[in-house]
N, C-alpha and C. Protein backbone atom coordinates (compact mmCIF):
# COMPACT_ATOMS: atom_id res chain seq x y z
N UNK A 1 26.61 -42.46 -20.40
CA UNK A 1 26.51 -43.86 -20.72
C UNK A 1 25.76 -43.98 -22.02
N UNK A 2 26.29 -44.70 -22.98
CA UNK A 2 25.64 -44.84 -24.28
C UNK A 2 24.66 -46.00 -24.24
N UNK A 3 23.72 -45.98 -25.19
CA UNK A 3 22.72 -47.04 -25.27
C UNK A 3 23.40 -48.34 -25.66
N UNK A 4 23.05 -49.48 -25.02
CA UNK A 4 23.66 -50.76 -25.38
C UNK A 4 23.17 -51.21 -26.75
N UNK A 5 24.02 -51.93 -27.43
CA UNK A 5 23.63 -52.41 -28.75
C UNK A 5 22.57 -53.47 -28.60
N UNK A 6 21.58 -53.52 -29.50
CA UNK A 6 20.52 -54.52 -29.40
C UNK A 6 21.08 -55.91 -29.65
N UNK A 7 20.51 -56.88 -28.97
CA UNK A 7 20.93 -58.27 -29.12
C UNK A 7 20.08 -58.90 -30.22
N UNK A 8 20.72 -59.42 -31.24
CA UNK A 8 20.01 -60.06 -32.34
C UNK A 8 19.98 -61.55 -32.09
N UNK A 9 18.78 -62.11 -32.04
CA UNK A 9 18.63 -63.53 -31.77
C UNK A 9 17.89 -64.20 -32.92
N UNK A 10 18.24 -65.43 -33.20
CA UNK A 10 17.53 -66.21 -34.22
C UNK A 10 16.41 -66.94 -33.50
N UNK A 11 15.17 -66.52 -33.71
CA UNK A 11 14.05 -67.06 -32.96
C UNK A 11 13.25 -68.09 -33.76
N UNK A 12 13.81 -68.59 -34.85
CA UNK A 12 13.08 -69.59 -35.64
C UNK A 12 12.79 -70.83 -34.83
N UNK A 13 13.64 -71.19 -33.91
CA UNK A 13 13.47 -72.43 -33.16
C UNK A 13 12.28 -72.37 -32.22
N UNK A 14 11.75 -71.18 -31.93
CA UNK A 14 10.62 -71.07 -31.03
C UNK A 14 9.34 -71.63 -31.65
N UNK A 15 9.32 -71.70 -32.97
CA UNK A 15 8.13 -72.18 -33.65
C UNK A 15 8.09 -73.71 -33.73
N UNK A 16 9.10 -74.37 -33.24
CA UNK A 16 9.22 -75.82 -33.39
C UNK A 16 8.37 -76.58 -32.38
N UNK A 17 7.99 -77.70 -32.78
CA UNK A 17 7.24 -78.62 -31.92
C UNK A 17 8.22 -79.61 -31.33
N UNK A 18 7.86 -80.26 -30.24
CA UNK A 18 8.75 -81.20 -29.59
C UNK A 18 9.00 -82.45 -30.46
N UNK A 19 8.09 -82.81 -31.35
CA UNK A 19 8.25 -84.01 -32.16
C UNK A 19 9.04 -83.75 -33.43
N UNK A 20 9.18 -82.47 -33.83
CA UNK A 20 9.85 -82.19 -35.10
C UNK A 20 11.30 -81.83 -34.84
N UNK A 21 12.16 -82.22 -35.77
CA UNK A 21 13.55 -81.80 -35.61
C UNK A 21 13.69 -80.33 -35.94
N UNK A 22 14.61 -79.68 -35.29
CA UNK A 22 14.84 -78.25 -35.53
C UNK A 22 15.77 -78.10 -36.71
N UNK A 23 15.33 -77.36 -37.72
CA UNK A 23 16.17 -77.09 -38.89
C UNK A 23 16.35 -75.58 -38.96
N UNK A 24 17.56 -75.17 -38.84
CA UNK A 24 17.84 -73.75 -38.85
C UNK A 24 18.76 -73.44 -40.01
N UNK A 25 18.25 -72.81 -41.00
CA UNK A 25 18.99 -72.34 -42.17
C UNK A 25 19.85 -73.46 -42.78
N UNK A 26 19.23 -74.56 -43.01
CA UNK A 26 19.91 -75.64 -43.69
C UNK A 26 20.79 -76.48 -42.80
N UNK A 27 21.04 -76.09 -41.57
CA UNK A 27 21.85 -76.90 -40.65
C UNK A 27 20.94 -77.88 -39.93
N UNK A 28 21.37 -79.10 -39.84
CA UNK A 28 20.58 -80.07 -39.10
C UNK A 28 21.03 -80.03 -37.65
N UNK A 29 20.06 -79.83 -36.73
CA UNK A 29 20.36 -79.80 -35.31
C UNK A 29 19.46 -80.80 -34.62
N UNK A 30 19.82 -81.25 -33.47
CA UNK A 30 18.98 -82.21 -32.76
C UNK A 30 17.65 -81.56 -32.36
N UNK A 31 16.62 -82.31 -32.12
CA UNK A 31 15.32 -81.74 -31.74
C UNK A 31 15.42 -80.96 -30.44
N UNK A 32 14.69 -79.85 -30.39
CA UNK A 32 14.68 -78.97 -29.23
C UNK A 32 13.43 -79.26 -28.44
N UNK A 33 13.59 -79.47 -27.20
CA UNK A 33 12.44 -79.79 -26.36
C UNK A 33 11.64 -78.52 -26.06
N UNK A 34 10.37 -78.69 -25.78
CA UNK A 34 9.47 -77.56 -25.50
C UNK A 34 9.93 -76.82 -24.25
N UNK A 35 10.36 -77.50 -23.26
CA UNK A 35 10.82 -76.86 -22.03
C UNK A 35 12.00 -75.95 -22.30
N UNK A 36 12.94 -76.45 -23.14
CA UNK A 36 14.09 -75.62 -23.49
C UNK A 36 13.65 -74.40 -24.27
N UNK A 37 12.70 -74.61 -25.17
CA UNK A 37 12.20 -73.50 -25.98
C UNK A 37 11.58 -72.45 -25.09
N UNK A 38 10.79 -72.87 -24.14
CA UNK A 38 10.15 -71.93 -23.22
C UNK A 38 11.20 -71.24 -22.36
N UNK A 39 12.19 -71.96 -21.91
CA UNK A 39 13.24 -71.38 -21.11
C UNK A 39 14.00 -70.33 -21.90
N UNK A 40 14.29 -70.62 -23.16
CA UNK A 40 14.98 -69.65 -24.01
C UNK A 40 14.10 -68.44 -24.28
N UNK A 41 12.81 -68.68 -24.50
CA UNK A 41 11.89 -67.56 -24.74
C UNK A 41 11.83 -66.66 -23.51
N UNK A 42 11.80 -67.26 -22.33
CA UNK A 42 11.77 -66.48 -21.09
C UNK A 42 13.08 -65.71 -20.93
N UNK A 43 14.20 -66.34 -21.25
CA UNK A 43 15.48 -65.64 -21.12
C UNK A 43 15.59 -64.50 -22.13
N UNK A 44 15.04 -64.72 -23.35
CA UNK A 44 15.04 -63.64 -24.35
C UNK A 44 14.16 -62.50 -23.87
N UNK A 45 12.98 -62.84 -23.35
CA UNK A 45 12.08 -61.80 -22.84
C UNK A 45 12.72 -61.10 -21.64
N UNK A 46 13.39 -61.84 -20.79
CA UNK A 46 14.09 -61.24 -19.64
C UNK A 46 15.18 -60.29 -20.11
N UNK A 47 15.91 -60.71 -21.15
CA UNK A 47 16.97 -59.84 -21.69
C UNK A 47 16.37 -58.56 -22.25
N UNK A 48 15.27 -58.69 -22.98
CA UNK A 48 14.59 -57.51 -23.53
C UNK A 48 14.14 -56.59 -22.40
N UNK A 49 13.57 -57.18 -21.37
CA UNK A 49 13.10 -56.40 -20.24
C UNK A 49 14.27 -55.68 -19.57
N UNK A 50 15.38 -56.38 -19.38
CA UNK A 50 16.57 -55.80 -18.77
C UNK A 50 17.09 -54.63 -19.61
N UNK A 51 17.13 -54.82 -20.93
CA UNK A 51 17.60 -53.75 -21.82
C UNK A 51 16.64 -52.56 -21.79
N UNK A 52 15.33 -52.82 -21.71
CA UNK A 52 14.35 -51.75 -21.64
C UNK A 52 14.50 -50.97 -20.33
N UNK A 53 14.75 -51.69 -19.23
CA UNK A 53 14.95 -51.03 -17.93
C UNK A 53 16.20 -50.15 -17.98
N UNK A 54 17.27 -50.68 -18.57
CA UNK A 54 18.52 -49.89 -18.69
C UNK A 54 18.26 -48.65 -19.53
N UNK A 55 17.55 -48.84 -20.66
CA UNK A 55 17.25 -47.70 -21.54
C UNK A 55 16.40 -46.67 -20.81
N UNK A 56 15.39 -47.13 -20.06
CA UNK A 56 14.53 -46.20 -19.32
C UNK A 56 15.31 -45.45 -18.25
N UNK A 57 16.21 -46.14 -17.58
CA UNK A 57 17.03 -45.47 -16.55
C UNK A 57 17.92 -44.40 -17.17
N UNK A 58 18.50 -44.72 -18.31
CA UNK A 58 19.37 -43.75 -19.00
C UNK A 58 18.54 -42.55 -19.46
N UNK A 59 17.37 -42.80 -19.99
CA UNK A 59 16.49 -41.71 -20.42
C UNK A 59 16.09 -40.84 -19.23
N UNK A 60 15.78 -41.47 -18.09
CA UNK A 60 15.43 -40.70 -16.90
C UNK A 60 16.62 -39.88 -16.41
N UNK A 61 17.82 -40.44 -16.48
CA UNK A 61 19.02 -39.70 -16.07
C UNK A 61 19.23 -38.48 -16.95
N UNK A 62 19.07 -38.66 -18.28
CA UNK A 62 19.21 -37.52 -19.21
C UNK A 62 18.14 -36.46 -18.93
N UNK A 63 16.94 -36.93 -18.63
CA UNK A 63 15.86 -35.99 -18.32
C UNK A 63 16.16 -35.19 -17.05
N UNK A 64 16.68 -35.87 -16.02
CA UNK A 64 17.04 -35.16 -14.79
C UNK A 64 18.14 -34.14 -15.05
N UNK A 65 19.14 -34.51 -15.85
CA UNK A 65 20.23 -33.58 -16.17
C UNK A 65 19.69 -32.37 -16.93
N UNK A 66 18.80 -32.63 -17.90
CA UNK A 66 18.22 -31.54 -18.69
C UNK A 66 17.42 -30.61 -17.78
N UNK A 67 16.61 -31.20 -16.88
CA UNK A 67 15.84 -30.41 -15.95
C UNK A 67 16.74 -29.60 -15.03
N UNK A 68 17.83 -30.19 -14.56
CA UNK A 68 18.78 -29.50 -13.68
C UNK A 68 19.42 -28.32 -14.42
N UNK A 69 19.80 -28.54 -15.69
CA UNK A 69 20.39 -27.43 -16.48
C UNK A 69 19.37 -26.31 -16.68
N UNK A 70 18.12 -26.68 -16.96
CA UNK A 70 17.09 -25.65 -17.13
C UNK A 70 16.89 -24.88 -15.83
N UNK A 71 16.85 -25.56 -14.71
CA UNK A 71 16.66 -24.91 -13.42
C UNK A 71 17.83 -23.97 -13.12
N UNK A 72 19.05 -24.41 -13.40
CA UNK A 72 20.22 -23.55 -13.18
C UNK A 72 20.14 -22.32 -14.08
N UNK A 73 19.72 -22.52 -15.33
CA UNK A 73 19.56 -21.38 -16.24
C UNK A 73 18.52 -20.40 -15.74
N UNK A 74 17.40 -20.92 -15.24
CA UNK A 74 16.35 -20.04 -14.71
C UNK A 74 16.82 -19.31 -13.46
N UNK A 75 17.57 -20.00 -12.61
CA UNK A 75 18.09 -19.34 -11.40
C UNK A 75 19.05 -18.22 -11.76
N UNK A 76 19.93 -18.48 -12.73
CA UNK A 76 20.89 -17.43 -13.12
C UNK A 76 20.15 -16.26 -13.78
N UNK A 77 19.11 -16.55 -14.55
CA UNK A 77 18.31 -15.48 -15.16
C UNK A 77 17.60 -14.66 -14.07
N UNK A 78 17.06 -15.34 -13.06
CA UNK A 78 16.40 -14.63 -11.95
C UNK A 78 17.40 -13.75 -11.20
N UNK A 79 18.61 -14.27 -10.96
CA UNK A 79 19.63 -13.46 -10.29
C UNK A 79 20.00 -12.24 -11.11
N UNK A 80 20.13 -12.44 -12.42
CA UNK A 80 20.47 -11.32 -13.31
C UNK A 80 19.36 -10.26 -13.29
N UNK A 81 18.10 -10.71 -13.32
CA UNK A 81 16.98 -9.76 -13.32
C UNK A 81 16.87 -9.04 -11.97
N UNK A 82 17.16 -9.75 -10.87
CA UNK A 82 17.13 -9.08 -9.56
C UNK A 82 18.19 -7.98 -9.50
N UNK A 83 19.37 -8.29 -10.01
CA UNK A 83 20.45 -7.28 -10.02
C UNK A 83 20.04 -6.08 -10.88
N UNK A 84 19.41 -6.36 -12.01
CA UNK A 84 18.97 -5.28 -12.89
C UNK A 84 17.89 -4.44 -12.21
N UNK A 85 16.98 -5.09 -11.49
CA UNK A 85 15.94 -4.35 -10.74
C UNK A 85 16.56 -3.46 -9.68
N UNK A 86 17.57 -3.97 -8.96
CA UNK A 86 18.24 -3.15 -7.95
C UNK A 86 18.90 -1.93 -8.59
N UNK A 87 19.52 -2.14 -9.76
CA UNK A 87 20.18 -1.02 -10.43
C UNK A 87 19.15 0.03 -10.88
N UNK A 88 18.03 -0.43 -11.41
CA UNK A 88 16.98 0.51 -11.84
C UNK A 88 16.39 1.23 -10.64
N UNK A 89 16.17 0.49 -9.54
CA UNK A 89 15.63 1.13 -8.33
C UNK A 89 16.62 2.17 -7.79
N UNK A 90 17.91 1.89 -7.89
CA UNK A 90 18.92 2.84 -7.45
C UNK A 90 18.90 4.13 -8.27
N UNK A 91 18.63 3.99 -9.56
CA UNK A 91 18.54 5.19 -10.41
C UNK A 91 17.20 5.89 -10.25
N UNK A 92 16.17 5.16 -9.83
CA UNK A 92 14.83 5.72 -9.71
C UNK A 92 14.71 6.68 -8.54
N UNK A 93 15.41 6.42 -7.44
CA UNK A 93 15.33 7.28 -6.26
C UNK A 93 15.65 8.74 -6.56
N UNK A 94 16.81 9.03 -7.14
CA UNK A 94 17.11 10.44 -7.47
C UNK A 94 16.12 11.04 -8.47
N UNK A 95 15.63 10.23 -9.40
CA UNK A 95 14.65 10.74 -10.37
C UNK A 95 13.37 11.14 -9.64
N UNK A 96 12.92 10.32 -8.71
CA UNK A 96 11.70 10.65 -7.94
C UNK A 96 11.89 11.93 -7.14
N UNK A 97 13.07 12.10 -6.55
CA UNK A 97 13.34 13.35 -5.81
C UNK A 97 13.30 14.56 -6.75
N UNK A 98 13.86 14.40 -7.93
CA UNK A 98 13.82 15.50 -8.90
C UNK A 98 12.39 15.81 -9.32
N UNK A 99 11.59 14.78 -9.51
CA UNK A 99 10.19 14.99 -9.88
C UNK A 99 9.47 15.77 -8.79
N UNK A 100 9.70 15.42 -7.53
CA UNK A 100 9.06 16.15 -6.43
C UNK A 100 9.48 17.62 -6.42
N UNK A 101 10.76 17.87 -6.65
CA UNK A 101 11.24 19.26 -6.70
C UNK A 101 10.60 20.03 -7.85
N UNK A 102 10.53 19.38 -9.02
CA UNK A 102 9.90 20.04 -10.17
C UNK A 102 8.42 20.31 -9.92
N UNK A 103 7.74 19.35 -9.29
CA UNK A 103 6.31 19.56 -8.99
C UNK A 103 6.13 20.72 -8.01
N UNK A 104 6.98 20.78 -7.00
CA UNK A 104 6.90 21.87 -6.03
C UNK A 104 7.14 23.21 -6.73
N UNK A 105 8.17 23.28 -7.59
CA UNK A 105 8.43 24.51 -8.34
C UNK A 105 7.27 24.85 -9.26
N UNK A 106 6.71 23.82 -9.89
CA UNK A 106 5.60 24.03 -10.82
C UNK A 106 4.39 24.60 -10.07
N UNK A 107 4.08 24.04 -8.91
CA UNK A 107 2.95 24.55 -8.12
C UNK A 107 3.20 25.99 -7.70
N UNK A 108 4.43 26.28 -7.26
CA UNK A 108 4.76 27.65 -6.86
C UNK A 108 4.61 28.62 -8.03
N UNK A 109 5.10 28.19 -9.21
CA UNK A 109 5.01 29.07 -10.39
C UNK A 109 3.56 29.25 -10.84
N UNK A 110 2.73 28.22 -10.71
CA UNK A 110 1.31 28.35 -11.07
C UNK A 110 0.61 29.36 -10.16
N UNK A 111 0.86 29.24 -8.87
CA UNK A 111 0.21 30.19 -7.95
C UNK A 111 0.74 31.61 -8.19
N UNK A 112 2.02 31.72 -8.46
CA UNK A 112 2.60 33.04 -8.79
C UNK A 112 1.98 33.60 -10.06
N UNK A 113 1.80 32.75 -11.05
CA UNK A 113 1.20 33.17 -12.32
C UNK A 113 -0.24 33.64 -12.09
N UNK A 114 -1.00 32.90 -11.28
CA UNK A 114 -2.38 33.30 -11.01
C UNK A 114 -2.41 34.65 -10.29
N UNK A 115 -1.52 34.85 -9.34
CA UNK A 115 -1.46 36.12 -8.61
C UNK A 115 -1.10 37.26 -9.57
N UNK A 116 -0.14 37.00 -10.46
CA UNK A 116 0.26 38.05 -11.42
C UNK A 116 -0.87 38.35 -12.41
N UNK A 117 -1.63 37.32 -12.81
CA UNK A 117 -2.77 37.57 -13.71
C UNK A 117 -3.82 38.43 -13.02
N UNK A 118 -4.10 38.12 -11.74
CA UNK A 118 -5.07 38.94 -11.00
C UNK A 118 -4.57 40.39 -10.87
N UNK A 119 -3.30 40.54 -10.59
CA UNK A 119 -2.72 41.90 -10.45
C UNK A 119 -2.79 42.65 -11.78
N UNK A 120 -2.48 41.93 -12.89
CA UNK A 120 -2.54 42.57 -14.22
C UNK A 120 -3.97 42.99 -14.55
N UNK A 121 -4.94 42.13 -14.23
CA UNK A 121 -6.34 42.50 -14.49
C UNK A 121 -6.73 43.73 -13.69
N UNK A 122 -6.28 43.80 -12.43
CA UNK A 122 -6.58 44.97 -11.61
C UNK A 122 -5.92 46.22 -12.19
N UNK A 123 -4.70 46.11 -12.65
CA UNK A 123 -3.99 47.26 -13.25
C UNK A 123 -4.72 47.72 -14.50
N UNK A 124 -5.19 46.77 -15.31
CA UNK A 124 -5.93 47.13 -16.53
C UNK A 124 -7.21 47.90 -16.17
N UNK A 125 -7.90 47.42 -15.14
CA UNK A 125 -9.11 48.14 -14.71
C UNK A 125 -8.77 49.57 -14.26
N UNK A 126 -7.71 49.69 -13.50
CA UNK A 126 -7.31 51.03 -13.04
C UNK A 126 -6.95 51.94 -14.21
N UNK A 127 -6.21 51.39 -15.18
CA UNK A 127 -5.83 52.21 -16.35
C UNK A 127 -7.07 52.61 -17.13
N UNK A 128 -8.00 51.69 -17.29
CA UNK A 128 -9.22 52.00 -18.03
C UNK A 128 -10.05 53.05 -17.29
N UNK A 129 -10.14 52.92 -15.98
CA UNK A 129 -10.87 53.92 -15.19
C UNK A 129 -10.20 55.29 -15.31
N UNK A 130 -8.91 55.31 -15.22
CA UNK A 130 -8.17 56.57 -15.36
C UNK A 130 -8.41 57.16 -16.74
N UNK A 131 -8.41 56.31 -17.76
CA UNK A 131 -8.61 56.78 -19.13
C UNK A 131 -10.04 57.31 -19.31
N UNK A 132 -11.03 56.61 -18.72
CA UNK A 132 -12.42 57.06 -18.84
C UNK A 132 -12.66 58.38 -18.10
N UNK A 133 -11.98 58.62 -17.03
CA UNK A 133 -12.14 59.86 -16.28
C UNK A 133 -11.61 61.05 -17.07
N UNK A 134 -10.65 60.80 -17.86
CA UNK A 134 -10.06 61.88 -18.65
C UNK A 134 -10.93 62.29 -19.82
N UNK A 135 -11.85 61.43 -20.23
CA UNK A 135 -12.72 61.75 -21.36
C UNK A 135 -13.78 62.77 -20.92
N UNK A 136 -14.22 63.63 -21.87
CA UNK A 136 -15.29 64.57 -21.51
C UNK A 136 -16.59 63.81 -21.29
N UNK A 137 -17.43 64.29 -20.36
CA UNK A 137 -18.66 63.59 -20.02
C UNK A 137 -19.74 63.76 -21.08
N UNK A 138 -19.85 64.89 -21.65
CA UNK A 138 -20.91 65.07 -22.64
C UNK A 138 -20.33 65.59 -23.93
N UNK A 139 -20.93 65.16 -24.97
CA UNK A 139 -20.51 65.64 -26.28
C UNK A 139 -21.77 65.99 -27.05
N UNK A 140 -21.91 67.25 -27.34
CA UNK A 140 -23.10 67.71 -28.04
C UNK A 140 -23.11 67.19 -29.45
N UNK A 141 -21.92 67.04 -30.04
CA UNK A 141 -21.84 66.59 -31.43
C UNK A 141 -22.24 65.11 -31.54
N UNK A 142 -21.96 64.34 -30.52
CA UNK A 142 -22.26 62.92 -30.58
C UNK A 142 -23.68 62.64 -30.16
N UNK A 143 -24.34 63.60 -29.59
CA UNK A 143 -25.73 63.44 -29.19
C UNK A 143 -25.89 62.49 -28.02
N UNK A 144 -24.92 62.42 -27.16
CA UNK A 144 -25.03 61.58 -25.97
C UNK A 144 -24.61 60.13 -26.19
N UNK A 145 -24.22 59.81 -27.41
CA UNK A 145 -23.81 58.43 -27.70
C UNK A 145 -22.49 58.14 -27.00
N UNK A 146 -21.65 59.13 -26.90
CA UNK A 146 -20.35 58.93 -26.28
C UNK A 146 -20.52 58.57 -24.81
N UNK A 147 -21.49 59.20 -24.15
CA UNK A 147 -21.74 58.92 -22.75
C UNK A 147 -22.20 57.48 -22.56
N UNK A 148 -23.02 56.98 -23.48
CA UNK A 148 -23.50 55.61 -23.40
C UNK A 148 -22.33 54.63 -23.52
N UNK A 149 -21.38 54.91 -24.41
CA UNK A 149 -20.20 54.06 -24.57
C UNK A 149 -19.36 54.04 -23.31
N UNK A 150 -19.26 55.20 -22.67
CA UNK A 150 -18.49 55.29 -21.44
C UNK A 150 -19.14 54.46 -20.33
N UNK A 151 -20.48 54.50 -20.26
CA UNK A 151 -21.19 53.71 -19.25
C UNK A 151 -20.99 52.20 -19.50
N UNK A 152 -21.01 51.84 -20.77
CA UNK A 152 -20.79 50.41 -21.09
C UNK A 152 -19.38 49.96 -20.69
N UNK A 153 -18.41 50.83 -20.95
CA UNK A 153 -17.05 50.47 -20.55
C UNK A 153 -16.91 50.33 -19.04
N UNK A 154 -17.56 51.24 -18.31
CA UNK A 154 -17.54 51.17 -16.86
C UNK A 154 -18.24 49.90 -16.36
N UNK A 155 -19.34 49.54 -17.03
CA UNK A 155 -20.06 48.33 -16.62
C UNK A 155 -19.21 47.08 -16.87
N UNK A 156 -18.43 47.10 -17.95
CA UNK A 156 -17.59 45.94 -18.23
C UNK A 156 -16.46 45.80 -17.20
N UNK A 157 -16.08 46.91 -16.56
CA UNK A 157 -15.04 46.84 -15.55
C UNK A 157 -15.55 46.18 -14.26
N UNK A 158 -16.85 46.21 -14.06
CA UNK A 158 -17.42 45.64 -12.83
C UNK A 158 -17.45 44.11 -12.87
N UNK A 159 -17.28 43.56 -14.00
CA UNK A 159 -17.35 42.10 -14.13
C UNK A 159 -16.16 41.39 -13.57
């Protein structure tokens, strides 16, 4: 519904007194009584009020339509986001299972690595002990310094 066109009224006659003749733009008209003037003023004010009410109703209708369109847009956006969340959740399940498998493998490999490091350290100690046993115990040329080095190496194996 479009806005109604404003009503243009010539209100010069409202300023007239009951004793004076009404002159409107050079036309001679009979005198207008005060009661008629008041009645016309009330009808003009009533018309303005009626037009304002119509305008306010139309504005309220447009506002309700705008609000309804916004609400529909928000509902469709919420539906779209819910669908997107379901799709992401569907892809997340297998990823979480893969993460658990990788963590389990990682823990197993870490414990295996620690066991292999301990075994390697033990093998190194055994090789060093075997190597130290093969060395001569005393060396006259070294003046006993070689024996001291051997003792230090043995002491380092105890750590």
